[in-house]
mmCIF file of all heavy atoms, coordinates in Angstrom:
data_MODEL
# 
_entry.id   MODEL 
# 
loop_
_atom_site.group_PDB 
_atom_site.id 
_atom_site.type_symbol 
_atom_site.label_atom_id 
_atom_site.label_alt_id 
_atom_site.label_comp_id 
_atom_site.label_asym_id 
_atom_site.label_entity_id 
_atom_site.label_seq_id 
_atom_site.pdbx_PDB_ins_code 
_atom_site.Cartn_x 
_atom_site.Cartn_y 
_atom_site.Cartn_z 
_atom_site.occupancy 
_atom_site.B_iso_or_equiv 
_atom_site.pdbx_formal_charge 
_atom_site.auth_seq_id 
_atom_site.auth_comp_id 
_atom_site.auth_asym_id 
_atom_site.auth_atom_id 
_atom_site.pdbx_PDB_model_num 
ATOM 1   N N   . SER A 1 1  ? 0.839  -1.187  0.000   1.00 0.00 ? 1  SER A N   1 
ATOM 2   C CA  . SER A 1 1  ? 0.000  0.000   0.000   1.00 0.00 ? 1  SER A CA  1 
ATOM 3   C C   . SER A 1 1  ? 0.877  1.241   0.000   1.00 0.00 ? 1  SER A C   1 
ATOM 4   O O   . SER A 1 1  ? 2.056  1.199   0.374   1.00 0.00 ? 1  SER A O   1 
ATOM 5   C CB  . SER A 1 1  ? -0.938 0.004   1.205   1.00 0.00 ? 1  SER A CB  1 
ATOM 6   O OG  . SER A 1 1  ? -0.207 0.146   2.397   1.00 0.00 ? 1  SER A OG  1 
ATOM 7   N N   . ILE A 1 2  ? 0.257  2.343   -0.407  1.00 0.00 ? 2  ILE A N   1 
ATOM 8   C CA  . ILE A 1 2  ? 0.925  3.647   -0.361  1.00 0.00 ? 2  ILE A CA  1 
ATOM 9   C C   . ILE A 1 2  ? -0.101 4.652   0.131   1.00 0.00 ? 2  ILE A C   1 
ATOM 10  O O   . ILE A 1 2  ? -1.223 4.703   -0.393  1.00 0.00 ? 2  ILE A O   1 
ATOM 11  C CB  . ILE A 1 2  ? 1.528  4.024   -1.734  1.00 0.00 ? 2  ILE A CB  1 
ATOM 12  C CG1 . ILE A 1 2  ? 2.266  5.366   -1.661  1.00 0.00 ? 2  ILE A CG1 1 
ATOM 13  C CG2 . ILE A 1 2  ? 0.485  4.010   -2.842  1.00 0.00 ? 2  ILE A CG2 1 
ATOM 14  C CD1 . ILE A 1 2  ? 3.147  5.637   -2.874  1.00 0.00 ? 2  ILE A CD1 1 
ATOM 15  N N   . ASN A 1 3  ? 0.258  5.437   1.147   1.00 0.00 ? 3  ASN A N   1 
ATOM 16  C CA  . ASN A 1 3  ? -0.737 6.338   1.711   1.00 0.00 ? 3  ASN A CA  1 
ATOM 17  C C   . ASN A 1 3  ? -0.658 7.723   1.073   1.00 0.00 ? 3  ASN A C   1 
ATOM 18  O O   . ASN A 1 3  ? 0.147  7.976   0.181   1.00 0.00 ? 3  ASN A O   1 
ATOM 19  C CB  . ASN A 1 3  ? -0.637 6.372   3.235   1.00 0.00 ? 3  ASN A CB  1 
ATOM 20  C CG  . ASN A 1 3  ? 0.551  7.172   3.735   1.00 0.00 ? 3  ASN A CG  1 
ATOM 21  O OD1 . ASN A 1 3  ? 1.288  7.774   2.962   1.00 0.00 ? 3  ASN A OD1 1 
ATOM 22  N ND2 . ASN A 1 3  ? 0.731  7.183   5.055   1.00 0.00 ? 3  ASN A ND2 1 
ATOM 23  N N   . VAL A 1 4  ? -1.509 8.605   1.551   1.00 0.00 ? 4  VAL A N   1 
ATOM 24  C CA  . VAL A 1 4  ? -1.639 9.921   0.933   1.00 0.00 ? 4  VAL A CA  1 
ATOM 25  C C   . VAL A 1 4  ? -0.337 10.714  1.043   1.00 0.00 ? 4  VAL A C   1 
ATOM 26  O O   . VAL A 1 4  ? -0.068 11.612  0.237   1.00 0.00 ? 4  VAL A O   1 
ATOM 27  C CB  . VAL A 1 4  ? -2.821 10.682  1.565   1.00 0.00 ? 4  VAL A CB  1 
ATOM 28  C CG1 . VAL A 1 4  ? -2.553 10.999  3.028   1.00 0.00 ? 4  VAL A CG1 1 
ATOM 29  C CG2 . VAL A 1 4  ? -3.163 11.917  0.769   1.00 0.00 ? 4  VAL A CG2 1 
ATOM 30  N N   . ASN A 1 5  ? 0.502  10.379  2.018   1.00 0.00 ? 5  ASN A N   1 
ATOM 31  C CA  . ASN A 1 5  ? 1.782  11.059  2.191   1.00 0.00 ? 5  ASN A CA  1 
ATOM 32  C C   . ASN A 1 5  ? 2.930  10.372  1.453   1.00 0.00 ? 5  ASN A C   1 
ATOM 33  O O   . ASN A 1 5  ? 4.074  10.818  1.564   1.00 0.00 ? 5  ASN A O   1 
ATOM 34  C CB  . ASN A 1 5  ? 2.129  11.150  3.673   1.00 0.00 ? 5  ASN A CB  1 
ATOM 35  C CG  . ASN A 1 5  ? 1.118  11.984  4.443   1.00 0.00 ? 5  ASN A CG  1 
ATOM 36  O OD1 . ASN A 1 5  ? 0.734  13.074  4.004   1.00 0.00 ? 5  ASN A OD1 1 
ATOM 37  N ND2 . ASN A 1 5  ? 0.675  11.488  5.587   1.00 0.00 ? 5  ASN A ND2 1 
ATOM 38  N N   . GLY A 1 6  ? 2.599  9.292   0.755   1.00 0.00 ? 6  GLY A N   1 
ATOM 39  C CA  . GLY A 1 6  ? 3.625  8.578   0.000   1.00 0.00 ? 6  GLY A CA  1 
ATOM 40  C C   . GLY A 1 6  ? 4.330  7.484   0.777   1.00 0.00 ? 6  GLY A C   1 
ATOM 41  O O   . GLY A 1 6  ? 5.242  6.843   0.258   1.00 0.00 ? 6  GLY A O   1 
ATOM 42  N N   . ARG A 1 7  ? 3.895  7.248   2.019   1.00 0.00 ? 7  ARG A N   1 
ATOM 43  C CA  . ARG A 1 7  ? 4.505  6.178   2.802   1.00 0.00 ? 7  ARG A CA  1 
ATOM 44  C C   . ARG A 1 7  ? 4.072  4.836   2.240   1.00 0.00 ? 7  ARG A C   1 
ATOM 45  O O   . ARG A 1 7  ? 2.886  4.610   1.987   1.00 0.00 ? 7  ARG A O   1 
ATOM 46  C CB  . ARG A 1 7  ? 4.092  6.283   4.268   1.00 0.00 ? 7  ARG A CB  1 
ATOM 47  C CG  . ARG A 1 7  ? 4.568  5.112   5.106   1.00 0.00 ? 7  ARG A CG  1 
ATOM 48  C CD  . ARG A 1 7  ? 4.098  5.207   6.538   1.00 0.00 ? 7  ARG A CD  1 
ATOM 49  N NE  . ARG A 1 7  ? 4.374  3.975   7.265   1.00 0.00 ? 7  ARG A NE  1 
ATOM 50  C CZ  . ARG A 1 7  ? 4.081  3.780   8.537   1.00 0.00 ? 7  ARG A CZ  1 
ATOM 51  N NH1 . ARG A 1 7  ? 3.500  4.740   9.226   1.00 0.00 ? 7  ARG A NH1 1 
ATOM 52  N NH2 . ARG A 1 7  ? 4.357  2.635   9.117   1.00 0.00 ? 7  ARG A NH2 1 
ATOM 53  N N   . THR A 1 8  ? 5.022  3.936   2.087   1.00 0.00 ? 8  THR A N   1 
ATOM 54  C CA  . THR A 1 8  ? 4.726  2.616   1.525   1.00 0.00 ? 8  THR A CA  1 
ATOM 55  C C   . THR A 1 8  ? 4.820  1.531   2.594   1.00 0.00 ? 8  THR A C   1 
ATOM 56  O O   . THR A 1 8  ? 5.535  1.675   3.585   1.00 0.00 ? 8  THR A O   1 
ATOM 57  C CB  . THR A 1 8  ? 5.691  2.277   0.384   1.00 0.00 ? 8  THR A CB  1 
ATOM 58  O OG1 . THR A 1 8  ? 7.035  2.325   0.876   1.00 0.00 ? 8  THR A OG1 1 
ATOM 59  C CG2 . THR A 1 8  ? 5.539  3.256   -0.771  1.00 0.00 ? 8  THR A CG2 1 
ATOM 60  N N   . ASP A 1 9  ? 4.106  0.455   2.355   1.00 0.00 ? 9  ASP A N   1 
ATOM 61  C CA  . ASP A 1 9  ? 4.110  -0.685  3.259   1.00 0.00 ? 9  ASP A CA  1 
ATOM 62  C C   . ASP A 1 9  ? 4.023  -1.943  2.401   1.00 0.00 ? 9  ASP A C   1 
ATOM 63  O O   . ASP A 1 9  ? 3.306  -1.952  1.390   1.00 0.00 ? 9  ASP A O   1 
ATOM 64  C CB  . ASP A 1 9  ? 2.920  -0.609  4.217   1.00 0.00 ? 9  ASP A CB  1 
ATOM 65  C CG  . ASP A 1 9  ? 3.043  -1.576  5.374   1.00 0.00 ? 9  ASP A CG  1 
ATOM 66  O OD1 . ASP A 1 9  ? 4.153  -2.103  5.622   1.00 0.00 ? 9  ASP A OD1 1 
ATOM 67  O OD2 . ASP A 1 9  ? 2.022  -1.820  6.052   1.00 0.00 ? 9  ASP A OD2 1 
ATOM 68  N N   . TYR A 1 10 ? 4.744  -2.996  2.808   1.00 0.00 ? 10 TYR A N   1 
ATOM 69  C CA  . TYR A 1 10 ? 4.793  -4.217  2.015   1.00 0.00 ? 10 TYR A CA  1 
ATOM 70  C C   . TYR A 1 10 ? 4.643  -5.442  2.901   1.00 0.00 ? 10 TYR A C   1 
ATOM 71  O O   . TYR A 1 10 ? 5.102  -5.466  4.045   1.00 0.00 ? 10 TYR A O   1 
ATOM 72  C CB  . TYR A 1 10 ? 6.131  -4.337  1.279   1.00 0.00 ? 10 TYR A CB  1 
ATOM 73  C CG  . TYR A 1 10 ? 6.388  -3.253  0.272   1.00 0.00 ? 10 TYR A CG  1 
ATOM 74  C CD1 . TYR A 1 10 ? 7.097  -2.108  0.610   1.00 0.00 ? 10 TYR A CD1 1 
ATOM 75  C CD2 . TYR A 1 10 ? 5.923  -3.367  -1.037  1.00 0.00 ? 10 TYR A CD2 1 
ATOM 76  C CE1 . TYR A 1 10 ? 7.335  -1.101  -0.311  1.00 0.00 ? 10 TYR A CE1 1 
ATOM 77  C CE2 . TYR A 1 10 ? 6.160  -2.369  -1.977  1.00 0.00 ? 10 TYR A CE2 1 
ATOM 78  C CZ  . TYR A 1 10 ? 6.863  -1.241  -1.602  1.00 0.00 ? 10 TYR A CZ  1 
ATOM 79  O OH  . TYR A 1 10 ? 7.092  -0.252  -2.535  1.00 0.00 ? 10 TYR A OH  1 
ATOM 80  N N   . ALA A 1 11 ? 4.041  -6.475  2.334   1.00 0.00 ? 11 ALA A N   1 
ATOM 81  C CA  . ALA A 1 11 ? 4.061  -7.772  2.988   1.00 0.00 ? 11 ALA A CA  1 
ATOM 82  C C   . ALA A 1 11 ? 5.496  -8.292  2.984   1.00 0.00 ? 11 ALA A C   1 
ATOM 83  O O   . ALA A 1 11 ? 6.270  -8.011  2.052   1.00 0.00 ? 11 ALA A O   1 
ATOM 84  C CB  . ALA A 1 11 ? 3.154  -8.749  2.240   1.00 0.00 ? 11 ALA A CB  1 
ATOM 85  N N   . ASP A 1 12 ? 5.852  -9.042  4.025   1.00 0.00 ? 12 ASP A N   1 
ATOM 86  C CA  . ASP A 1 12 ? 7.219  -9.561  4.114   1.00 0.00 ? 12 ASP A CA  1 
ATOM 87  C C   . ASP A 1 12 ? 7.595  -10.390 2.892   1.00 0.00 ? 12 ASP A C   1 
ATOM 88  O O   . ASP A 1 12 ? 8.747  -10.388 2.449   1.00 0.00 ? 12 ASP A O   1 
ATOM 89  C CB  . ASP A 1 12 ? 7.369  -10.412 5.374   1.00 0.00 ? 12 ASP A CB  1 
ATOM 90  C CG  . ASP A 1 12 ? 7.384  -9.565  6.640   1.00 0.00 ? 12 ASP A CG  1 
ATOM 91  O OD1 . ASP A 1 12 ? 7.615  -8.343  6.540   1.00 0.00 ? 12 ASP A OD1 1 
ATOM 92  O OD2 . ASP A 1 12 ? 7.169  -10.133 7.720   1.00 0.00 ? 12 ASP A OD2 1 
ATOM 93  N N   . SER A 1 13 ? 6.632  -11.095 2.351   1.00 0.00 ? 13 SER A N   1 
ATOM 94  C CA  . SER A 1 13 ? 6.899  -12.006 1.239   1.00 0.00 ? 13 SER A CA  1 
ATOM 95  C C   . SER A 1 13 ? 7.296  -11.298 -0.054  1.00 0.00 ? 13 SER A C   1 
ATOM 96  O O   . SER A 1 13 ? 7.830  -11.936 -0.963  1.00 0.00 ? 13 SER A O   1 
ATOM 97  C CB  . SER A 1 13 ? 5.679  -12.895 0.979   1.00 0.00 ? 13 SER A CB  1 
ATOM 98  O OG  . SER A 1 13 ? 4.555  -12.091 0.661   1.00 0.00 ? 13 SER A OG  1 
ATOM 99  N N   . VAL A 1 14 ? 7.035  -9.987  -0.146  1.00 0.00 ? 14 VAL A N   1 
ATOM 100 C CA  . VAL A 1 14 ? 7.336  -9.266  -1.387  1.00 0.00 ? 14 VAL A CA  1 
ATOM 101 C C   . VAL A 1 14 ? 8.361  -8.161  -1.201  1.00 0.00 ? 14 VAL A C   1 
ATOM 102 O O   . VAL A 1 14 ? 8.776  -7.528  -2.178  1.00 0.00 ? 14 VAL A O   1 
ATOM 103 C CB  . VAL A 1 14 ? 6.055  -8.691  -2.031  1.00 0.00 ? 14 VAL A CB  1 
ATOM 104 C CG1 . VAL A 1 14 ? 5.006  -9.788  -2.210  1.00 0.00 ? 14 VAL A CG1 1 
ATOM 105 C CG2 . VAL A 1 14 ? 5.493  -7.526  -1.234  1.00 0.00 ? 14 VAL A CG2 1 
ATOM 106 N N   . LYS A 1 15 ? 8.783  -7.928  0.042   1.00 0.00 ? 15 LYS A N   1 
ATOM 107 C CA  . LYS A 1 15 ? 9.766  -6.859  0.295   1.00 0.00 ? 15 LYS A CA  1 
ATOM 108 C C   . LYS A 1 15 ? 11.038 -7.096  -0.501  1.00 0.00 ? 15 LYS A C   1 
ATOM 109 O O   . LYS A 1 15 ? 11.547 -8.208  -0.554  1.00 0.00 ? 15 LYS A O   1 
ATOM 110 C CB  . LYS A 1 15 ? 10.077 -6.793  1.785   1.00 0.00 ? 15 LYS A CB  1 
ATOM 111 C CG  . LYS A 1 15 ? 9.029  -6.094  2.610   1.00 0.00 ? 15 LYS A CG  1 
ATOM 112 C CD  . LYS A 1 15 ? 9.421  -6.035  4.086   1.00 0.00 ? 15 LYS A CD  1 
ATOM 113 C CE  . LYS A 1 15 ? 8.349  -5.343  4.901   1.00 0.00 ? 15 LYS A CE  1 
ATOM 114 N NZ  . LYS A 1 15 ? 8.670  -5.340  6.356   1.00 0.00 ? 15 LYS A NZ  1 
ATOM 115 N N   . GLY A 1 16 ? 11.527 -6.035  -1.133  1.00 0.00 ? 16 GLY A N   1 
ATOM 116 C CA  . GLY A 1 16 ? 12.741 -6.139  -1.926  1.00 0.00 ? 16 GLY A CA  1 
ATOM 117 C C   . GLY A 1 16 ? 12.508 -6.595  -3.347  1.00 0.00 ? 16 GLY A C   1 
ATOM 118 O O   . GLY A 1 16 ? 13.422 -6.515  -4.180  1.00 0.00 ? 16 GLY A O   1 
ATOM 119 N N   . ARG A 1 17 ? 11.303 -7.071  -3.635  1.00 0.00 ? 17 ARG A N   1 
ATOM 120 C CA  . ARG A 1 17 ? 10.983 -7.525  -4.998  1.00 0.00 ? 17 ARG A CA  1 
ATOM 121 C C   . ARG A 1 17 ? 9.900  -6.693  -5.658  1.00 0.00 ? 17 ARG A C   1 
ATOM 122 O O   . ARG A 1 17 ? 9.922  -6.489  -6.871  1.00 0.00 ? 17 ARG A O   1 
ATOM 123 C CB  . ARG A 1 17 ? 10.532 -8.989  -4.967  1.00 0.00 ? 17 ARG A CB  1 
ATOM 124 C CG  . ARG A 1 17 ? 11.546 -9.954  -4.407  1.00 0.00 ? 17 ARG A CG  1 
ATOM 125 C CD  . ARG A 1 17 ? 11.109 -11.399 -4.574  1.00 0.00 ? 17 ARG A CD  1 
ATOM 126 N NE  . ARG A 1 17 ? 9.864  -11.691 -3.885  1.00 0.00 ? 17 ARG A NE  1 
ATOM 127 C CZ  . ARG A 1 17 ? 8.748  -12.135 -4.495  1.00 0.00 ? 17 ARG A CZ  1 
ATOM 128 N NH1 . ARG A 1 17 ? 8.740  -12.330 -5.799  1.00 0.00 ? 17 ARG A NH1 1 
ATOM 129 N NH2 . ARG A 1 17 ? 7.658  -12.395 -3.794  1.00 0.00 ? 17 ARG A NH2 1 
ATOM 130 N N   . PHE A 1 18 ? 8.941  -6.232  -4.871  1.00 0.00 ? 18 PHE A N   1 
ATOM 131 C CA  . PHE A 1 18 ? 7.833  -5.441  -5.390  1.00 0.00 ? 18 PHE A CA  1 
ATOM 132 C C   . PHE A 1 18 ? 8.010  -3.982  -4.979  1.00 0.00 ? 18 PHE A C   1 
ATOM 133 O O   . PHE A 1 18 ? 8.551  -3.690  -3.906  1.00 0.00 ? 18 PHE A O   1 
ATOM 134 C CB  . PHE A 1 18 ? 6.507  -5.946  -4.834  1.00 0.00 ? 18 PHE A CB  1 
ATOM 135 C CG  . PHE A 1 18 ? 6.049  -7.275  -5.356  1.00 0.00 ? 18 PHE A CG  1 
ATOM 136 C CD1 . PHE A 1 18 ? 6.891  -8.128  -6.070  1.00 0.00 ? 18 PHE A CD1 1 
ATOM 137 C CD2 . PHE A 1 18 ? 4.754  -7.708  -5.105  1.00 0.00 ? 18 PHE A CD2 1 
ATOM 138 C CE1 . PHE A 1 18 ? 6.464  -9.357  -6.529  1.00 0.00 ? 18 PHE A CE1 1 
ATOM 139 C CE2 . PHE A 1 18 ? 4.303  -8.934  -5.561  1.00 0.00 ? 18 PHE A CE2 1 
ATOM 140 C CZ  . PHE A 1 18 ? 5.158  -9.755  -6.276  1.00 0.00 ? 18 PHE A CZ  1 
ATOM 141 N N   . SER A 1 19 ? 7.500  -3.097  -5.836  1.00 0.00 ? 19 SER A N   1 
ATOM 142 C CA  . SER A 1 19 ? 7.565  -1.671  -5.524  1.00 0.00 ? 19 SER A CA  1 
ATOM 143 C C   . SER A 1 19 ? 6.250  -1.013  -5.920  1.00 0.00 ? 19 SER A C   1 
ATOM 144 O O   . SER A 1 19 ? 5.798  -1.149  -7.065  1.00 0.00 ? 19 SER A O   1 
ATOM 145 C CB  . SER A 1 19 ? 8.719  -1.023  -6.290  1.00 0.00 ? 19 SER A CB  1 
ATOM 146 O OG  . SER A 1 19 ? 8.766  0.363   -6.041  1.00 0.00 ? 19 SER A OG  1 
ATOM 147 N N   . ILE A 1 20 ? 5.647  -0.294  -4.984  1.00 0.00 ? 20 ILE A N   1 
ATOM 148 C CA  . ILE A 1 20 ? 4.383  0.380   -5.247  1.00 0.00 ? 20 ILE A CA  1 
ATOM 149 C C   . ILE A 1 20 ? 4.644  1.871   -5.428  1.00 0.00 ? 20 ILE A C   1 
ATOM 150 O O   . ILE A 1 20 ? 5.498  2.457   -4.754  1.00 0.00 ? 20 ILE A O   1 
ATOM 151 C CB  . ILE A 1 20 ? 3.363  0.126   -4.110  1.00 0.00 ? 20 ILE A CB  1 
ATOM 152 C CG1 . ILE A 1 20 ? 1.974  0.628   -4.505  1.00 0.00 ? 20 ILE A CG1 1 
ATOM 153 C CG2 . ILE A 1 20 ? 3.828  0.721   -2.795  1.00 0.00 ? 20 ILE A CG2 1 
ATOM 154 C CD1 . ILE A 1 20 ? 0.865  0.178   -3.540  1.00 0.00 ? 20 ILE A CD1 1 
ATOM 155 N N   . SER A 1 21 ? 3.915  2.475   -6.361  1.00 0.00 ? 21 SER A N   1 
ATOM 156 C CA  . SER A 1 21 ? 4.044  3.907   -6.605  1.00 0.00 ? 21 SER A CA  1 
ATOM 157 C C   . SER A 1 21 ? 2.696  4.447   -7.076  1.00 0.00 ? 21 SER A C   1 
ATOM 158 O O   . SER A 1 21 ? 1.778  3.674   -7.362  1.00 0.00 ? 21 SER A O   1 
ATOM 159 C CB  . SER A 1 21 ? 5.132  4.174   -7.646  1.00 0.00 ? 21 SER A CB  1 
ATOM 160 O OG  . SER A 1 21 ? 4.812  3.557   -8.882  1.00 0.00 ? 21 SER A OG  1 
ATOM 161 N N   . ARG A 1 22 ? 2.615  5.748   -7.156  1.00 0.00 ? 22 ARG A N   1 
ATOM 162 C CA  . ARG A 1 22 ? 1.352  6.360   -7.584  1.00 0.00 ? 22 ARG A CA  1 
ATOM 163 C C   . ARG A 1 22 ? 1.641  7.573   -8.463  1.00 0.00 ? 22 ARG A C   1 
ATOM 164 O O   . ARG A 1 22 ? 2.650  8.248   -8.286  1.00 0.00 ? 22 ARG A O   1 
ATOM 165 C CB  . ARG A 1 22 ? 0.509  6.768   -6.373  1.00 0.00 ? 22 ARG A CB  1 
ATOM 166 C CG  . ARG A 1 22 ? 1.214  7.697   -5.416  1.00 0.00 ? 22 ARG A CG  1 
ATOM 167 C CD  . ARG A 1 22 ? 0.508  7.761   -4.077  1.00 0.00 ? 22 ARG A CD  1 
ATOM 168 N NE  . ARG A 1 22 ? -0.659 8.632   -4.143  1.00 0.00 ? 22 ARG A NE  1 
ATOM 169 C CZ  . ARG A 1 22 ? -1.567 8.710   -3.178  1.00 0.00 ? 22 ARG A CZ  1 
ATOM 170 N NH1 . ARG A 1 22 ? -1.458 7.948   -2.115  1.00 0.00 ? 22 ARG A NH1 1 
ATOM 171 N NH2 . ARG A 1 22 ? -2.601 9.529   -3.297  1.00 0.00 ? 22 ARG A NH2 1 
ATOM 172 N N   . ASP A 1 23 ? 0.743  7.815   -9.400  1.00 0.00 ? 23 ASP A N   1 
ATOM 173 C CA  . ASP A 1 23 ? 0.769  9.021   -10.227 1.00 0.00 ? 23 ASP A CA  1 
ATOM 174 C C   . ASP A 1 23 ? -0.494 9.791   -9.895  1.00 0.00 ? 23 ASP A C   1 
ATOM 175 O O   . ASP A 1 23 ? -1.591 9.432   -10.358 1.00 0.00 ? 23 ASP A O   1 
ATOM 176 C CB  . ASP A 1 23 ? 0.833  8.645   -11.713 1.00 0.00 ? 23 ASP A CB  1 
ATOM 177 C CG  . ASP A 1 23 ? 0.980  9.863   -12.608 1.00 0.00 ? 23 ASP A CG  1 
ATOM 178 O OD1 . ASP A 1 23 ? 0.492  10.951  -12.227 1.00 0.00 ? 23 ASP A OD1 1 
ATOM 179 O OD2 . ASP A 1 23 ? 1.566  9.722   -13.688 1.00 0.00 ? 23 ASP A OD2 1 
ATOM 180 N N   . ASN A 1 24 ? -0.360 10.822  -9.077  1.00 0.00 ? 24 ASN A N   1 
ATOM 181 C CA  . ASN A 1 24 ? -1.530 11.536  -8.593  1.00 0.00 ? 24 ASN A CA  1 
ATOM 182 C C   . ASN A 1 24 ? -2.297 12.217  -9.729  1.00 0.00 ? 24 ASN A C   1 
ATOM 183 O O   . ASN A 1 24 ? -3.533 12.278  -9.702  1.00 0.00 ? 24 ASN A O   1 
ATOM 184 C CB  . ASN A 1 24 ? -1.109 12.562  -7.549  1.00 0.00 ? 24 ASN A CB  1 
ATOM 185 C CG  . ASN A 1 24 ? -0.475 11.911  -6.332  1.00 0.00 ? 24 ASN A CG  1 
ATOM 186 O OD1 . ASN A 1 24 ? -0.849 10.808  -5.939  1.00 0.00 ? 24 ASN A OD1 1 
ATOM 187 N ND2 . ASN A 1 24 ? 0.494  12.586  -5.743  1.00 0.00 ? 24 ASN A ND2 1 
ATOM 188 N N   . ALA A 1 25 ? -1.584 12.706  -10.705 1.00 0.00 ? 25 ALA A N   1 
ATOM 189 C CA  . ALA A 1 25 ? -2.245 13.394  -11.818 1.00 0.00 ? 25 ALA A CA  1 
ATOM 190 C C   . ALA A 1 25 ? -3.124 12.448  -12.629 1.00 0.00 ? 25 ALA A C   1 
ATOM 191 O O   . ALA A 1 25 ? -4.117 12.879  -13.228 1.00 0.00 ? 25 ALA A O   1 
ATOM 192 C CB  . ALA A 1 25 ? -1.200 14.038  -12.719 1.00 0.00 ? 25 ALA A CB  1 
ATOM 193 N N   . LYS A 1 26 ? -2.760 11.171  -12.628 1.00 0.00 ? 26 LYS A N   1 
ATOM 194 C CA  . LYS A 1 26 ? -3.532 10.172  -13.380 1.00 0.00 ? 26 LYS A CA  1 
ATOM 195 C C   . LYS A 1 26 ? -4.436 9.342   -12.486 1.00 0.00 ? 26 LYS A C   1 
ATOM 196 O O   . LYS A 1 26 ? -5.105 8.418   -12.969 1.00 0.00 ? 26 LYS A O   1 
ATOM 197 C CB  . LYS A 1 26 ? -2.577 9.247   -14.139 1.00 0.00 ? 26 LYS A CB  1 
ATOM 198 C CG  . LYS A 1 26 ? -1.744 9.953   -15.205 1.00 0.00 ? 26 LYS A CG  1 
ATOM 199 C CD  . LYS A 1 26 ? -0.846 8.973   -15.941 1.00 0.00 ? 26 LYS A CD  1 
ATOM 200 C CE  . LYS A 1 26 ? -0.044 9.681   -17.026 1.00 0.00 ? 26 LYS A CE  1 
ATOM 201 N NZ  . LYS A 1 26 ? 0.853  8.738   -17.749 1.00 0.00 ? 26 LYS A NZ  1 
ATOM 202 N N   . ASN A 1 27 ? -4.443 9.630   -11.178 1.00 0.00 ? 27 ASN A N   1 
ATOM 203 C CA  . ASN A 1 27 ? -5.245 8.843   -10.226 1.00 0.00 ? 27 ASN A CA  1 
ATOM 204 C C   . ASN A 1 27 ? -4.951 7.351   -10.374 1.00 0.00 ? 27 ASN A C   1 
ATOM 205 O O   . ASN A 1 27 ? -5.867 6.518   -10.356 1.00 0.00 ? 27 ASN A O   1 
ATOM 206 C CB  . ASN A 1 27 ? -6.741 9.112   -10.414 1.00 0.00 ? 27 ASN A CB  1 
ATOM 207 C CG  . ASN A 1 27 ? -7.118 10.527  -10.026 1.00 0.00 ? 27 ASN A CG  1 
ATOM 208 O OD1 . ASN A 1 27 ? -6.570 11.092  -9.078  1.00 0.00 ? 27 ASN A OD1 1 
ATOM 209 N ND2 . ASN A 1 27 ? -8.049 11.108  -10.751 1.00 0.00 ? 27 ASN A ND2 1 
ATOM 210 N N   . THR A 1 28 ? -3.682 7.041   -10.520 1.00 0.00 ? 28 THR A N   1 
ATOM 211 C CA  . THR A 1 28 ? -3.275 5.672   -10.808 1.00 0.00 ? 28 THR A CA  1 
ATOM 212 C C   . THR A 1 28 ? -2.218 5.193   -9.824  1.00 0.00 ? 28 THR A C   1 
ATOM 213 O O   . THR A 1 28 ? -1.318 5.961   -9.458  1.00 0.00 ? 28 THR A O   1 
ATOM 214 C CB  . THR A 1 28 ? -2.739 5.568   -12.250 1.00 0.00 ? 28 THR A CB  1 
ATOM 215 O OG1 . THR A 1 28 ? -3.785 5.940   -13.167 1.00 0.00 ? 28 THR A OG1 1 
ATOM 216 C CG2 . THR A 1 28 ? -2.284 4.154   -12.574 1.00 0.00 ? 28 THR A CG2 1 
# 
């Protein structure tokens, strides 16, 4: 997950392999 302040959180099983990001202008 990624919160409104850009803080990210990951399940242990995906840490270091997955990366979450957001494009606010595209609501994506």
